[in-house]
Amino acid sequence: MPKSATSPKSFEAAVSELEAIVQEMESGKLPLEDALARYQRGVGLLRYCQETLADAEQRVKVLEGETLSDFANGGSTS
């Protein structure tokens, strides 16, 4: 995220803000400097979302690994 931008409160808040930025930019009514500022914020939000999703994916992989390991251990004792 850019240093001047605040971090979103949650993944859902970031997605919502990103959608609003896209709508503003697609309107074609923003002055160049405002469009550049929105674009910069959007890039930061996108990175935040990508990192959040990557972290969630890693957590799911760990949980699946533990579940599969526990299941395999339970099956080998019988």
N, C-alpha and C. Protein backbone atom coordinates (compact mmCIF):
# COMPACT_ATOMS: atom_id res chain seq x y z
N MET A 1 0.84 -1.18 0.00
CA MET A 1 0.00 0.00 0.00
C MET A 1 0.89 1.24 0.00
N PRO A 2 0.47 2.29 -0.67
CA PRO A 2 1.24 3.52 -0.62
C PRO A 2 1.30 4.05 0.80
N LYS A 3 2.38 4.73 1.15
CA LYS A 3 2.55 5.21 2.51
C LYS A 3 1.46 6.20 2.91
N SER A 4 0.96 6.98 1.97
CA SER A 4 -0.04 7.99 2.30
C SER A 4 -1.45 7.40 2.43
N ALA A 5 -1.63 6.19 2.00
CA ALA A 5 -2.96 5.57 2.05
C ALA A 5 -3.11 4.79 3.34
N THR A 6 -4.32 4.81 3.86
CA THR A 6 -4.59 4.03 5.05
C THR A 6 -4.98 2.62 4.64
N SER A 7 -4.67 1.68 5.51
CA SER A 7 -5.03 0.29 5.23
C SER A 7 -6.53 0.10 5.40
N PRO A 8 -7.13 -0.74 4.57
CA PRO A 8 -8.56 -1.01 4.72
C PRO A 8 -8.82 -1.78 6.00
N LYS A 9 -10.06 -1.67 6.49
CA LYS A 9 -10.44 -2.36 7.73
C LYS A 9 -10.54 -3.86 7.53
N SER A 10 -10.88 -4.28 6.31
CA SER A 10 -11.05 -5.70 6.03
C SER A 10 -10.92 -5.94 4.54
N PHE A 11 -10.87 -7.21 4.18
CA PHE A 11 -10.83 -7.59 2.76
C PHE A 11 -12.07 -7.07 2.05
N GLU A 12 -13.23 -7.26 2.69
CA GLU A 12 -14.49 -6.82 2.08
C GLU A 12 -14.53 -5.31 1.89
N ALA A 13 -13.99 -4.56 2.85
CA ALA A 13 -13.94 -3.11 2.72
C ALA A 13 -13.03 -2.71 1.56
N ALA A 14 -11.92 -3.43 1.40
CA ALA A 14 -10.99 -3.14 0.30
C ALA A 14 -11.65 -3.40 -1.04
N VAL A 15 -12.36 -4.51 -1.16
CA VAL A 15 -13.04 -4.84 -2.42
C VAL A 15 -14.10 -3.78 -2.73
N SER A 16 -14.85 -3.38 -1.72
CA SER A 16 -15.89 -2.38 -1.91
C SER A 16 -15.30 -1.05 -2.38
N GLU A 17 -14.21 -0.63 -1.73
CA GLU A 17 -13.56 0.61 -2.13
C GLU A 17 -12.98 0.49 -3.54
N LEU A 18 -12.41 -0.65 -3.85
CA LEU A 18 -11.86 -0.87 -5.19
C LEU A 18 -12.95 -0.79 -6.25
N GLU A 19 -14.11 -1.37 -5.98
CA GLU A 19 -15.24 -1.29 -6.91
C GLU A 19 -15.67 0.16 -7.12
N ALA A 20 -15.71 0.94 -6.04
CA ALA A 20 -16.09 2.36 -6.15
C ALA A 20 -15.07 3.13 -7.00
N ILE A 21 -13.80 2.83 -6.82
CA ILE A 21 -12.75 3.49 -7.60
C ILE A 21 -12.91 3.16 -9.08
N VAL A 22 -13.17 1.90 -9.39
CA VAL A 22 -13.36 1.49 -10.78
C VAL A 22 -14.53 2.24 -11.40
N GLN A 23 -15.63 2.35 -10.67
CA GLN A 23 -16.80 3.06 -11.19
C GLN A 23 -16.47 4.53 -11.44
N GLU A 24 -15.76 5.16 -10.51
CA GLU A 24 -15.37 6.57 -10.68
C GLU A 24 -14.50 6.74 -11.92
N MET A 25 -13.54 5.84 -12.08
CA MET A 25 -12.62 5.97 -13.20
C MET A 25 -13.31 5.67 -14.53
N GLU A 26 -14.23 4.72 -14.52
CA GLU A 26 -14.95 4.39 -15.75
C GLU A 26 -15.90 5.51 -16.18
N SER A 27 -16.29 6.36 -15.26
CA SER A 27 -17.19 7.46 -15.61
C SER A 27 -16.51 8.45 -16.55
N GLY A 28 -15.19 8.51 -16.49
CA GLY A 28 -14.45 9.42 -17.36
C GLY A 28 -14.57 10.87 -16.96
N LYS A 29 -15.07 11.15 -15.77
CA LYS A 29 -15.29 12.53 -15.34
C LYS A 29 -14.25 13.04 -14.36
N LEU A 30 -13.26 12.22 -14.04
CA LEU A 30 -12.24 12.64 -13.09
C LEU A 30 -11.14 13.43 -13.80
N PRO A 31 -10.69 14.51 -13.18
CA PRO A 31 -9.51 15.20 -13.70
C PRO A 31 -8.30 14.26 -13.62
N LEU A 32 -7.32 14.51 -14.43
CA LEU A 32 -6.16 13.63 -14.53
C LEU A 32 -5.52 13.35 -13.17
N GLU A 33 -5.26 14.38 -12.39
CA GLU A 33 -4.60 14.19 -11.09
C GLU A 33 -5.45 13.33 -10.16
N ASP A 34 -6.76 13.52 -10.15
CA ASP A 34 -7.65 12.70 -9.33
C ASP A 34 -7.66 11.26 -9.82
N ALA A 35 -7.66 11.08 -11.14
CA ALA A 35 -7.65 9.74 -11.71
C ALA A 35 -6.36 9.01 -11.33
N LEU A 36 -5.25 9.72 -11.37
CA LEU A 36 -3.97 9.11 -11.00
C LEU A 36 -3.96 8.74 -9.51
N ALA A 37 -4.50 9.61 -8.67
CA ALA A 37 -4.56 9.31 -7.24
C ALA A 37 -5.46 8.10 -6.98
N ARG A 38 -6.59 8.01 -7.68
CA ARG A 38 -7.49 6.86 -7.52
C ARG A 38 -6.81 5.59 -8.02
N TYR A 39 -6.10 5.72 -9.12
CA TYR A 39 -5.39 4.56 -9.67
C TYR A 39 -4.36 4.05 -8.66
N GLN A 40 -3.59 4.98 -8.08
CA GLN A 40 -2.58 4.60 -7.10
C GLN A 40 -3.23 3.91 -5.91
N ARG A 41 -4.33 4.45 -5.42
CA ARG A 41 -5.04 3.82 -4.31
C ARG A 41 -5.55 2.44 -4.71
N GLY A 42 -6.05 2.33 -5.94
CA GLY A 42 -6.55 1.06 -6.43
C GLY A 42 -5.47 0.00 -6.49
N VAL A 43 -4.28 0.38 -6.92
CA VAL A 43 -3.15 -0.56 -6.97
C VAL A 43 -2.82 -1.04 -5.56
N GLY A 44 -2.82 -0.13 -4.61
CA GLY A 44 -2.55 -0.52 -3.23
C GLY A 44 -3.62 -1.46 -2.69
N LEU A 45 -4.87 -1.17 -2.99
CA LEU A 45 -5.96 -2.04 -2.54
C LEU A 45 -5.87 -3.40 -3.20
N LEU A 46 -5.53 -3.42 -4.47
CA LEU A 46 -5.39 -4.69 -5.19
C LEU A 46 -4.30 -5.54 -4.55
N ARG A 47 -3.17 -4.93 -4.23
CA ARG A 47 -2.08 -5.66 -3.58
C ARG A 47 -2.53 -6.19 -2.22
N TYR A 48 -3.24 -5.37 -1.46
CA TYR A 48 -3.76 -5.80 -0.17
C TYR A 48 -4.66 -7.02 -0.35
N CYS A 49 -5.56 -6.96 -1.32
CA CYS A 49 -6.48 -8.08 -1.57
C CYS A 49 -5.73 -9.34 -1.99
N GLN A 50 -4.75 -9.18 -2.87
CA GLN A 50 -3.97 -10.33 -3.32
C GLN A 50 -3.22 -10.97 -2.16
N GLU A 51 -2.63 -10.15 -1.30
CA GLU A 51 -1.90 -10.67 -0.14
C GLU A 51 -2.85 -11.37 0.83
N THR A 52 -4.01 -10.78 1.04
CA THR A 52 -5.00 -11.36 1.95
C THR A 52 -5.47 -12.71 1.42
N LEU A 53 -5.73 -12.79 0.12
CA LEU A 53 -6.16 -14.06 -0.47
C LEU A 53 -5.05 -15.10 -0.42
N ALA A 54 -3.82 -14.68 -0.66
CA ALA A 54 -2.69 -15.62 -0.60
C ALA A 54 -2.53 -16.16 0.82
N ASP A 55 -2.69 -15.29 1.82
CA ASP A 55 -2.61 -15.73 3.21
C ASP A 55 -3.73 -16.72 3.52
N ALA A 56 -4.93 -16.42 3.06
CA ALA A 56 -6.07 -17.31 3.30
C ALA A 56 -5.84 -18.66 2.63
N GLU A 57 -5.32 -18.63 1.41
CA GLU A 57 -5.04 -19.88 0.68
C GLU A 57 -4.01 -20.72 1.44
N GLN A 58 -2.99 -20.07 1.98
CA GLN A 58 -1.96 -20.78 2.73
C GLN A 58 -2.56 -21.40 3.99
N ARG A 59 -3.43 -20.66 4.66
CA ARG A 59 -4.07 -21.19 5.87
C ARG A 59 -4.93 -22.41 5.54
N VAL A 60 -5.65 -22.35 4.41
CA VAL A 60 -6.48 -23.49 4.00
C VAL A 60 -5.61 -24.70 3.70
N LYS A 61 -4.49 -24.48 3.02
CA LYS A 61 -3.58 -25.59 2.71
C LYS A 61 -3.07 -26.23 4.00
N VAL A 62 -2.73 -25.42 4.98
CA VAL A 62 -2.25 -25.94 6.25
C VAL A 62 -3.36 -26.75 6.92
N LEU A 63 -4.56 -26.19 6.93
CA LEU A 63 -5.68 -26.90 7.56
C LEU A 63 -5.99 -28.20 6.83
N GLU A 64 -5.96 -28.18 5.52
CA GLU A 64 -6.21 -29.41 4.76
C GLU A 64 -5.12 -30.43 5.05
N GLY A 65 -3.90 -29.99 5.15
CA GLY A 65 -2.79 -30.88 5.44
C GLY A 65 -2.95 -31.53 6.81
N GLU A 66 -3.35 -30.75 7.79
CA GLU A 66 -3.56 -31.29 9.13
C GLU A 66 -4.73 -32.27 9.14
N THR A 67 -5.79 -31.93 8.44
CA THR A 67 -6.95 -32.80 8.39
C THR A 67 -6.59 -34.12 7.71
N LEU A 68 -5.89 -34.05 6.59
CA LEU A 68 -5.50 -35.26 5.89
C LEU A 68 -4.53 -36.09 6.73
N SER A 69 -3.63 -35.42 7.42
CA SER A 69 -2.68 -36.13 8.28
C SER A 69 -3.39 -36.82 9.42
N ASP A 70 -4.31 -36.12 10.08
CA ASP A 70 -5.05 -36.71 11.18
C ASP A 70 -5.87 -37.89 10.70
N PHE A 71 -6.50 -37.78 9.54
CA PHE A 71 -7.32 -38.85 8.99
C PHE A 71 -6.45 -40.07 8.69
N ALA A 72 -5.30 -39.82 8.09
CA ALA A 72 -4.40 -40.93 7.76
C ALA A 72 -3.92 -41.62 9.03
N ASN A 73 -3.61 -40.86 10.05
CA ASN A 73 -3.16 -41.45 11.33
C ASN A 73 -4.28 -42.27 11.97
N GLY A 74 -5.49 -41.75 11.90
CA GLY A 74 -6.63 -42.47 12.48
C GLY A 74 -6.90 -43.77 11.75
N GLY A 75 -6.70 -43.76 10.44
CA GLY A 75 -6.95 -44.95 9.65
C GLY A 75 -5.90 -46.03 9.83
N SER A 76 -4.67 -45.65 10.21
CA SER A 76 -3.61 -46.63 10.32
C SER A 76 -3.61 -47.38 11.65
N THR A 77 -4.40 -46.90 12.62
CA THR A 77 -4.41 -47.56 13.93
C THR A 77 -5.36 -48.75 13.97
N SER A 78 -6.23 -48.91 12.99
CA SER A 78 -7.18 -50.02 13.04
C SER A 78 -6.66 -51.27 12.39
